[in-house]
Amino acid sequence: MARFEIAETAARRKTNRIEGTVTLSCSVGMAQFGLDQIIPRFLQDNPRVTVVQRTSNRMEDLIKSGIDMAIRGHMDILPDSSLIQVRLAQVEWHIFCSPEYLSNLHSPDDPAGLANHPALVLGRPGTAHQWLLTDDDGQSASVPCKVRFASDDMSTLKNAAALSLGLVALPAYVCRPEVDAGSLVRVLPSWTAGTPQISLLMPSREGLLPAFEVLLEFLKRELPTVLTGDGGKVP
């Protein structure tokens, strides 16, 4: 079967016929704020390609689940495996709040000034929660906070922050529209709340159909621009 697929791929390359179905896995946030514009544009440019996008905040086994490629965010180096790993970008997470909430912070330029403020947290927090921050000089700070609201949905957290319900840590690209509109502001501009790596994972590159290769190259080219805002890529 593998030899047949490789032969079929070679034949399709010769005829320049880009078609097929690609199953792509990603988190809910990546689907909503990273891929929401560029995947439809990819489909416009490739009318014979079908993309099946599976969104989940849980890590899935690509091979068992029949997933062709997955976009994952991770802080640590991914363990060695049979998966092909393509680094796309590094994404800064910032602390945000509403302009009204910012005016109530006693020391908005000092991490200690955020201590014990209500936190709007992505995911499922433990009994104690902390902002883990790093400044431009490499100094770190751990700030305890009180969880007011936790959710797996970034849109809901952004809305809660805009209503002055507390502080939220989210990827910079996710909150870019609200910052531009003035409904959210960045707290501690010289500090970040993490810089995770965004990688694309695939079971194998051998015998990839042209549709897979075209989508892979498209994501490598377009997604870093969306995530970083300046087109910066990770070598």
C-alpha atoms as a PDB file:
ATOM      1  CA  MET A   1       0.000   0.000   0.000  1.00  0.00           C
ATOM      2  CA  ALA A   2       2.829   2.405   0.836  1.00  0.00           C
ATOM      3  CA  ARG A   3       4.493   1.767  -2.541  1.00  0.00           C
ATOM      4  CA  PHE A   4       1.159   2.275  -4.294  1.00  0.00           C
ATOM      5  CA  GLU A   5       0.627   5.634  -2.549  1.00  0.00           C
ATOM      6  CA  ILE A   6       4.138   6.795  -3.461  1.00  0.00           C
ATOM      7  CA  ALA A   7       3.539   5.853  -7.103  1.00  0.00           C
ATOM      8  CA  GLU A   8       0.188   7.632  -7.080  1.00  0.00           C
ATOM      9  CA  THR A   9       1.794  10.737  -5.578  1.00  0.00           C
ATOM     10  CA  ALA A  10       4.454  10.771  -8.300  1.00  0.00           C
ATOM     11  CA  ALA A  11       1.798  10.449 -11.006  1.00  0.00           C
ATOM     12  CA  ARG A  12      -0.238  13.307  -9.605  1.00  0.00           C
ATOM     13  CA  ARG A  13       2.830  15.526  -9.386  1.00  0.00           C
ATOM     14  CA  LYS A  14       3.455  14.956 -13.084  1.00  0.00           C
ATOM     15  CA  THR A  15      -0.061  16.083 -13.947  1.00  0.00           C
ATOM     16  CA  ASN A  16       0.012  18.963 -11.411  1.00  0.00           C
ATOM     17  CA  ARG A  17      -3.301  17.708 -10.046  1.00  0.00           C
ATOM     18  CA  ILE A  18      -3.531  18.958  -6.466  1.00  0.00           C
ATOM     19  CA  GLU A  19      -6.423  17.126  -4.844  1.00  0.00           C
ATOM     20  CA  GLY A  20      -7.245  14.984  -1.857  1.00  0.00           C
ATOM     21  CA  THR A  21      -8.333  15.207   1.780  1.00  0.00           C
ATOM     22  CA  VAL A  22      -6.095  16.373   4.633  1.00  0.00           C
ATOM     23  CA  THR A  23      -7.075  15.938   8.296  1.00  0.00           C
ATOM     24  CA  LEU A  24      -5.637  18.720  10.452  1.00  0.00           C
ATOM     25  CA  SER A  25      -5.741  18.763  14.267  1.00  0.00           C
ATOM     26  CA  CYS A  26      -5.360  21.928  16.363  1.00  0.00           C
ATOM     27  CA  SER A  27      -6.527  23.546  19.586  1.00  0.00           C
ATOM     28  CA  VAL A  28      -9.764  25.525  19.767  1.00  0.00           C
ATOM     29  CA  GLY A  29      -7.824  28.772  20.192  1.00  0.00           C
ATOM     30  CA  MET A  30      -5.610  28.068  17.185  1.00  0.00           C
ATOM     31  CA  ALA A  31      -8.695  27.328  15.077  1.00  0.00           C
ATOM     32  CA  GLN A  32     -10.455  30.520  16.167  1.00  0.00           C
ATOM     33  CA  PHE A  33      -7.590  32.992  16.043  1.00  0.00           C
ATOM     34  CA  GLY A  34      -4.791  31.476  13.979  1.00  0.00           C
ATOM     35  CA  LEU A  35      -6.421  29.463  11.204  1.00  0.00           C
ATOM     36  CA  ASP A  36      -9.837  31.114  10.874  1.00  0.00           C
ATOM     37  CA  GLN A  37      -8.788  33.312   7.953  1.00  0.00           C
ATOM     38  CA  ILE A  38      -5.965  31.419   6.300  1.00  0.00           C
ATOM     39  CA  ILE A  39      -7.587  27.979   5.905  1.00  0.00           C
ATOM     40  CA  PRO A  40     -10.530  29.394   3.891  1.00  0.00           C
ATOM     41  CA  ARG A  41      -7.993  31.261   1.758  1.00  0.00           C
ATOM     42  CA  PHE A  42      -6.076  28.027   1.195  1.00  0.00           C
ATOM     43  CA  LEU A  43      -9.283  26.321   0.066  1.00  0.00           C
ATOM     44  CA  GLN A  44     -10.007  29.148  -2.371  1.00  0.00           C
ATOM     45  CA  ASP A  45      -6.566  28.659  -3.914  1.00  0.00           C
ATOM     46  CA  ASN A  46      -6.921  24.847  -4.007  1.00  0.00           C
ATOM     47  CA  PRO A  47     -10.506  24.011  -5.042  1.00  0.00           C
ATOM     48  CA  ARG A  48      -9.851  20.252  -5.350  1.00  0.00           C
ATOM     49  CA  VAL A  49      -8.489  19.888  -1.805  1.00  0.00           C
ATOM     50  CA  THR A  50     -10.674  19.055   1.215  1.00  0.00           C
ATOM     51  CA  VAL A  51      -9.481  19.962   4.726  1.00  0.00           C
ATOM     52  CA  VAL A  52     -11.002  18.207   7.741  1.00  0.00           C
ATOM     53  CA  GLN A  53     -10.185  20.378  10.754  1.00  0.00           C
ATOM     54  CA  ARG A  54     -10.472  18.661  14.132  1.00  0.00           C
ATOM     55  CA  THR A  55     -10.358  21.061  17.070  1.00  0.00           C
ATOM     56  CA  SER A  56      -9.652  19.913  20.597  1.00  0.00           C
ATOM     57  CA  ASN A  57      -7.598  21.117  23.542  1.00  0.00           C
ATOM     58  CA  ARG A  58      -6.619  17.516  24.261  1.00  0.00           C
ATOM     59  CA  MET A  59      -3.544  15.887  22.761  1.00  0.00           C
ATOM     60  CA  GLU A  60      -4.544  13.144  20.339  1.00  0.00           C
ATOM     61  CA  ASP A  61      -2.538  10.238  19.008  1.00  0.00           C
ATOM     62  CA  LEU A  62      -2.070  11.218  15.371  1.00  0.00           C
ATOM     63  CA  ILE A  63      -1.601   7.723  14.016  1.00  0.00           C
ATOM     64  CA  LYS A  64      -4.433   6.067  15.947  1.00  0.00           C
ATOM     65  CA  SER A  65      -6.797   8.960  15.186  1.00  0.00           C
ATOM     66  CA  GLY A  66      -5.992   9.097  11.472  1.00  0.00           C
ATOM     67  CA  ILE A  67      -4.658  12.667  11.641  1.00  0.00           C
ATOM     68  CA  ASP A  68      -2.353  13.797   8.848  1.00  0.00           C
ATOM     69  CA  MET A  69      -0.881  16.829  10.613  1.00  0.00           C
ATOM     70  CA  ALA A  70      -1.331  18.670  13.902  1.00  0.00           C
ATOM     71  CA  ILE A  71      -0.440  22.131  15.180  1.00  0.00           C
ATOM     72  CA  ARG A  72       0.720  22.100  18.793  1.00  0.00           C
ATOM     73  CA  GLY A  73       1.931  24.681  21.293  1.00  0.00           C
ATOM     74  CA  HIS A  74       4.543  23.577  23.820  1.00  0.00           C
ATOM     75  CA  MET A  75       6.935  25.153  26.310  1.00  0.00           C
ATOM     76  CA  ASP A  76       9.439  22.296  26.503  1.00  0.00           C
ATOM     77  CA  ILE A  77      11.200  20.419  23.718  1.00  0.00           C
ATOM     78  CA  LEU A  78       8.919  17.728  22.376  1.00  0.00           C
ATOM     79  CA  PRO A  79      10.191  14.219  23.089  1.00  0.00           C
ATOM     80  CA  ASP A  80      11.820  12.323  20.259  1.00  0.00           C
ATOM     81  CA  SER A  81       9.356  10.140  18.413  1.00  0.00           C
ATOM     82  CA  SER A  82       8.507   8.889  14.969  1.00  0.00           C
ATOM     83  CA  LEU A  83       6.643  12.149  14.312  1.00  0.00           C
ATOM     84  CA  ILE A  84       8.102  14.749  11.975  1.00  0.00           C
ATOM     85  CA  GLN A  85       8.322  18.119  13.780  1.00  0.00           C
ATOM     86  CA  VAL A  86       8.334  21.421  11.895  1.00  0.00           C
ATOM     87  CA  ARG A  87       8.855  24.540  13.992  1.00  0.00           C
ATOM     88  CA  LEU A  88       6.650  27.440  12.911  1.00  0.00           C
ATOM     89  CA  ALA A  89       6.980  30.310  15.385  1.00  0.00           C
ATOM     90  CA  GLN A  90       7.415  31.409  18.971  1.00  0.00           C
ATOM     91  CA  VAL A  91       4.427  33.207  20.466  1.00  0.00           C
ATOM     92  CA  GLU A  92       4.513  35.652  23.370  1.00  0.00           C
ATOM     93  CA  TRP A  93       1.793  35.540  25.992  1.00  0.00           C
ATOM     94  CA  HIS A  94       0.963  38.844  27.698  1.00  0.00           C
ATOM     95  CA  ILE A  95      -1.135  39.924  30.652  1.00  0.00           C
ATOM     96  CA  PHE A  96      -4.222  41.923  29.625  1.00  0.00           C
ATOM     97  CA  CYS A  97      -7.052  43.760  31.323  1.00  0.00           C
ATOM     98  CA  SER A  98      -9.542  46.516  30.536  1.00  0.00           C
ATOM     99  CA  PRO A  99      -8.398  50.173  30.668  1.00  0.00           C
ATOM    100  CA  GLU A 100     -10.741  50.693  33.627  1.00  0.00           C
ATOM    101  CA  TYR A 101      -9.215  47.781  35.523  1.00  0.00           C
ATOM    102  CA  LEU A 102      -5.698  49.023  34.781  1.00  0.00           C
ATOM    103  CA  SER A 103      -6.519  52.339  36.467  1.00  0.00           C
ATOM    104  CA  ASN A 104      -7.254  50.415  39.686  1.00  0.00           C
ATOM    105  CA  LEU A 105      -3.844  48.707  39.831  1.00  0.00           C
ATOM    106  CA  HIS A 106      -1.638  50.363  42.448  1.00  0.00           C
ATOM    107  CA  SER A 107       1.673  49.440  40.767  1.00  0.00           C
ATOM    108  CA  PRO A 108       0.906  48.544  37.136  1.00  0.00           C
ATOM    109  CA  ASP A 109       4.616  48.442  36.180  1.00  0.00           C
ATOM    110  CA  ASP A 110       5.661  46.081  38.996  1.00  0.00           C
ATOM    111  CA  PRO A 111       4.750  42.348  38.976  1.00  0.00           C
ATOM    112  CA  ALA A 112       4.168  42.526  42.729  1.00  0.00           C
ATOM    113  CA  GLY A 113       1.313  44.940  42.015  1.00  0.00           C
ATOM    114  CA  LEU A 114      -0.650  42.098  40.384  1.00  0.00           C
ATOM    115  CA  ALA A 115      -0.581  39.896  43.487  1.00  0.00           C
ATOM    116  CA  ASN A 116      -3.928  38.491  44.602  1.00  0.00           C
ATOM    117  CA  HIS A 117      -5.901  40.198  41.842  1.00  0.00           C
ATOM    118  CA  PRO A 118      -8.723  38.172  40.229  1.00  0.00           C
ATOM    119  CA  ALA A 119      -7.386  35.914  37.478  1.00  0.00           C
ATOM    120  CA  LEU A 120      -9.166  34.762  34.342  1.00  0.00           C
ATOM    121  CA  VAL A 121      -7.441  31.483  33.575  1.00  0.00           C
ATOM    122  CA  LEU A 122      -7.258  29.331  30.459  1.00  0.00           C
ATOM    123  CA  GLY A 123      -7.799  25.659  31.209  1.00  0.00           C
ATOM    124  CA  ARG A 124      -8.277  23.960  34.547  1.00  0.00           C
ATOM    125  CA  PRO A 125      -6.352  25.657  37.348  1.00  0.00           C
ATOM    126  CA  GLY A 126      -5.163  23.960  40.509  1.00  0.00           C
ATOM    127  CA  THR A 127      -5.960  25.072  44.019  1.00  0.00           C
ATOM    128  CA  ALA A 128      -3.245  27.729  43.803  1.00  0.00           C
ATOM    129  CA  HIS A 129      -2.502  29.747  40.671  1.00  0.00           C
ATOM    130  CA  GLN A 130       0.418  31.989  39.777  1.00  0.00           C
ATOM    131  CA  TRP A 131       1.475  34.265  36.953  1.00  0.00           C
ATOM    132  CA  LEU A 132       4.954  33.128  35.865  1.00  0.00           C
ATOM    133  CA  LEU A 133       6.549  36.181  34.266  1.00  0.00           C
ATOM    134  CA  THR A 134       9.860  36.990  32.535  1.00  0.00           C
ATOM    135  CA  ASP A 135      11.105  40.469  31.664  1.00  0.00           C
ATOM    136  CA  ASP A 136      13.196  41.676  28.734  1.00  0.00           C
ATOM    137  CA  ASP A 137      16.404  41.222  30.767  1.00  0.00           C
ATOM    138  CA  GLY A 138      15.645  37.604  31.624  1.00  0.00           C
ATOM    139  CA  GLN A 139      14.529  38.206  35.201  1.00  0.00           C
ATOM    140  CA  SER A 140      11.623  36.099  36.413  1.00  0.00           C
ATOM    141  CA  ALA A 141       8.792  36.675  38.851  1.00  0.00           C
ATOM    142  CA  SER A 142       6.077  34.471  40.310  1.00  0.00           C
ATOM    143  CA  VAL A 143       2.900  36.324  41.248  1.00  0.00           C
ATOM    144  CA  PRO A 144       0.075  34.603  43.186  1.00  0.00           C
ATOM    145  CA  CYS A 145      -3.464  35.349  42.037  1.00  0.00           C
ATOM    146  CA  LYS A 146      -7.030  34.426  42.867  1.00  0.00           C
ATOM    147  CA  VAL A 147      -8.874  32.462  40.186  1.00  0.00           C
ATOM    148  CA  ARG A 148     -12.148  34.250  39.464  1.00  0.00           C
ATOM    149  CA  PHE A 149     -13.034  32.451  36.246  1.00  0.00           C
ATOM    150  CA  ALA A 150     -11.521  29.519  34.327  1.00  0.00           C
ATOM    151  CA  SER A 151     -12.459  28.452  30.810  1.00  0.00           C
ATOM    152  CA  ASP A 152     -11.134  26.479  27.852  1.00  0.00           C
ATOM    153  CA  ASP A 153     -12.432  29.218  25.524  1.00  0.00           C
ATOM    154  CA  MET A 154     -10.215  32.230  24.843  1.00  0.00           C
ATOM    155  CA  SER A 155     -13.067  34.360  23.464  1.00  0.00           C
ATOM    156  CA  THR A 156     -14.989  34.064  26.721  1.00  0.00           C
ATOM    157  CA  LEU A 157     -11.891  34.999  28.723  1.00  0.00           C
ATOM    158  CA  LYS A 158     -11.289  38.055  26.536  1.00  0.00           C
ATOM    159  CA  ASN A 159     -14.868  39.213  27.028  1.00  0.00           C
ATOM    160  CA  ALA A 160     -14.582  38.755  30.788  1.00  0.00           C
ATOM    161  CA  ALA A 161     -11.370  40.808  30.860  1.00  0.00           C
ATOM    162  CA  ALA A 162     -12.971  43.570  28.769  1.00  0.00           C
ATOM    163  CA  LEU A 163     -15.751  43.715  31.399  1.00  0.00           C
ATOM    164  CA  SER A 164     -13.130  44.427  34.086  1.00  0.00           C
ATOM    165  CA  LEU A 165     -13.539  41.081  35.828  1.00  0.00           C
ATOM    166  CA  GLY A 166      -9.801  40.589  36.270  1.00  0.00           C
ATOM    167  CA  LEU A 167      -6.468  39.892  34.580  1.00  0.00           C
ATOM    168  CA  VAL A 168      -5.958  37.378  31.792  1.00  0.00           C
ATOM    169  CA  ALA A 169      -2.854  35.843  30.196  1.00  0.00           C
ATOM    170  CA  LEU A 170      -3.328  35.041  26.512  1.00  0.00           C
ATOM    171  CA  PRO A 171      -1.257  34.894  23.308  1.00  0.00           C
ATOM    172  CA  ALA A 172      -0.545  38.360  21.971  1.00  0.00           C
ATOM    173  CA  TYR A 173      -2.076  37.572  18.570  1.00  0.00           C
ATOM    174  CA  VAL A 174      -5.365  36.487  20.178  1.00  0.00           C
ATOM    175  CA  CYS A 175      -5.918  39.886  21.814  1.00  0.00           C
ATOM    176  CA  ARG A 176      -4.523  42.049  18.996  1.00  0.00           C
ATOM    177  CA  PRO A 177      -7.971  43.228  17.736  1.00  0.00           C
ATOM    178  CA  GLU A 178      -9.121  44.206  21.233  1.00  0.00           C
ATOM    179  CA  VAL A 179      -5.865  46.036  21.948  1.00  0.00           C
ATOM    180  CA  ASP A 180      -6.176  47.943  18.663  1.00  0.00           C
ATOM    181  CA  ALA A 181      -9.798  48.807  19.507  1.00  0.00           C
ATOM    182  CA  GLY A 182      -8.897  49.917  23.032  1.00  0.00           C
ATOM    183  CA  SER A 183     -11.091  47.445  24.919  1.00  0.00           C
ATOM    184  CA  LEU A 184      -8.020  45.649  26.313  1.00  0.00           C
ATOM    185  CA  VAL A 185      -4.594  46.936  27.314  1.00  0.00           C
ATOM    186  CA  ARG A 186      -1.371  45.113  28.002  1.00  0.00           C
ATOM    187  CA  VAL A 187      -0.233  45.069  31.618  1.00  0.00           C
ATOM    188  CA  LEU A 188       3.523  45.118  32.369  1.00  0.00           C
ATOM    189  CA  PRO A 189       4.696  45.858  28.794  1.00  0.00           C
ATOM    190  CA  SER A 190       8.261  44.704  29.516  1.00  0.00           C
ATOM    191  CA  TRP A 191       7.139  41.332  30.914  1.00  0.00           C
ATOM    192  CA  THR A 192       5.814  38.210  29.188  1.00  0.00           C
ATOM    193  CA  ALA A 193       3.749  35.351  30.611  1.00  0.00           C
ATOM    194  CA  GLY A 194       5.480  32.669  28.537  1.00  0.00           C
ATOM    195  CA  THR A 195       6.828  32.210  24.992  1.00  0.00           C
ATOM    196  CA  PRO A 196       5.683  28.765  23.847  1.00  0.00           C
ATOM    197  CA  GLN A 197       6.831  27.205  20.611  1.00  0.00           C
ATOM    198  CA  ILE A 198       4.272  26.424  17.903  1.00  0.00           C
ATOM    199  CA  SER A 199       5.135  23.301  15.921  1.00  0.00           C
ATOM    200  CA  LEU A 200       3.523  21.272  13.176  1.00  0.00           C
ATOM    201  CA  LEU A 201       3.630  17.493  13.648  1.00  0.00           C
ATOM    202  CA  MET A 202       3.168  14.766  11.047  1.00  0.00           C
ATOM    203  CA  PRO A 203       3.447  10.960  11.208  1.00  0.00           C
ATOM    204  CA  SER A 204       5.667  10.843   8.105  1.00  0.00           C
ATOM    205  CA  ARG A 205       6.691  12.822   5.024  1.00  0.00           C
ATOM    206  CA  GLU A 206       7.298   9.763   2.856  1.00  0.00           C
ATOM    207  CA  GLY A 207       4.791   9.422   0.066  1.00  0.00           C
ATOM    208  CA  LEU A 208       2.837  12.552   0.979  1.00  0.00           C
ATOM    209  CA  LEU A 209       0.078  13.380  -1.477  1.00  0.00           C
ATOM    210  CA  PRO A 210       0.468  16.757  -3.197  1.00  0.00           C
ATOM    211  CA  ALA A 211      -2.450  18.124  -1.158  1.00  0.00           C
ATOM    212  CA  PHE A 212      -0.521  17.451   2.072  1.00  0.00           C
ATOM    213  CA  GLU A 213       2.632  19.076   0.762  1.00  0.00           C
ATOM    214  CA  VAL A 214       0.790  22.142  -0.517  1.00  0.00           C
ATOM    215  CA  LEU A 215      -0.994  22.658   2.811  1.00  0.00           C
ATOM    216  CA  LEU A 216       2.250  22.122   4.722  1.00  0.00           C
ATOM    217  CA  GLU A 217       4.084  24.760   2.706  1.00  0.00           C
ATOM    218  CA  PHE A 218       1.115  27.123   3.001  1.00  0.00           C
ATOM    219  CA  LEU A 219       1.055  26.826   6.813  1.00  0.00           C
ATOM    220  CA  LYS A 220       4.825  27.274   7.061  1.00  0.00           C
ATOM    221  CA  ARG A 221       4.539  30.462   5.020  1.00  0.00           C
ATOM    222  CA  GLU A 222       1.336  32.039   6.326  1.00  0.00           C
ATOM    223  CA  LEU A 223       0.821  30.967   9.942  1.00  0.00           C
ATOM    224  CA  PRO A 224       3.950  32.636  11.429  1.00  0.00           C
ATOM    225  CA  THR A 225       2.742  35.969  10.052  1.00  0.00           C
ATOM    226  CA  VAL A 226      -0.566  35.577  11.867  1.00  0.00           C
ATOM    227  CA  LEU A 227       0.976  34.385  15.125  1.00  0.00           C
ATOM    228  CA  THR A 228       3.783  36.909  15.442  1.00  0.00           C
ATOM    229  CA  GLY A 229       2.320  39.841  13.541  1.00  0.00           C
ATOM    230  CA  ASP A 230       5.577  40.532  11.732  1.00  0.00           C
ATOM    231  CA  GLY A 231       6.163  37.425   9.651  1.00  0.00           C
ATOM    232  CA  GLY A 232       8.971  36.276  11.914  1.00  0.00           C
ATOM    233  CA  LYS A 233       9.782  32.592  11.543  1.00  0.00           C
ATOM    234  CA  VAL A 234      11.774  30.222  13.666  1.00  0.00           C
ATOM    235  CA  PRO A 235      14.684  28.720  11.738  1.00  0.00           C
END
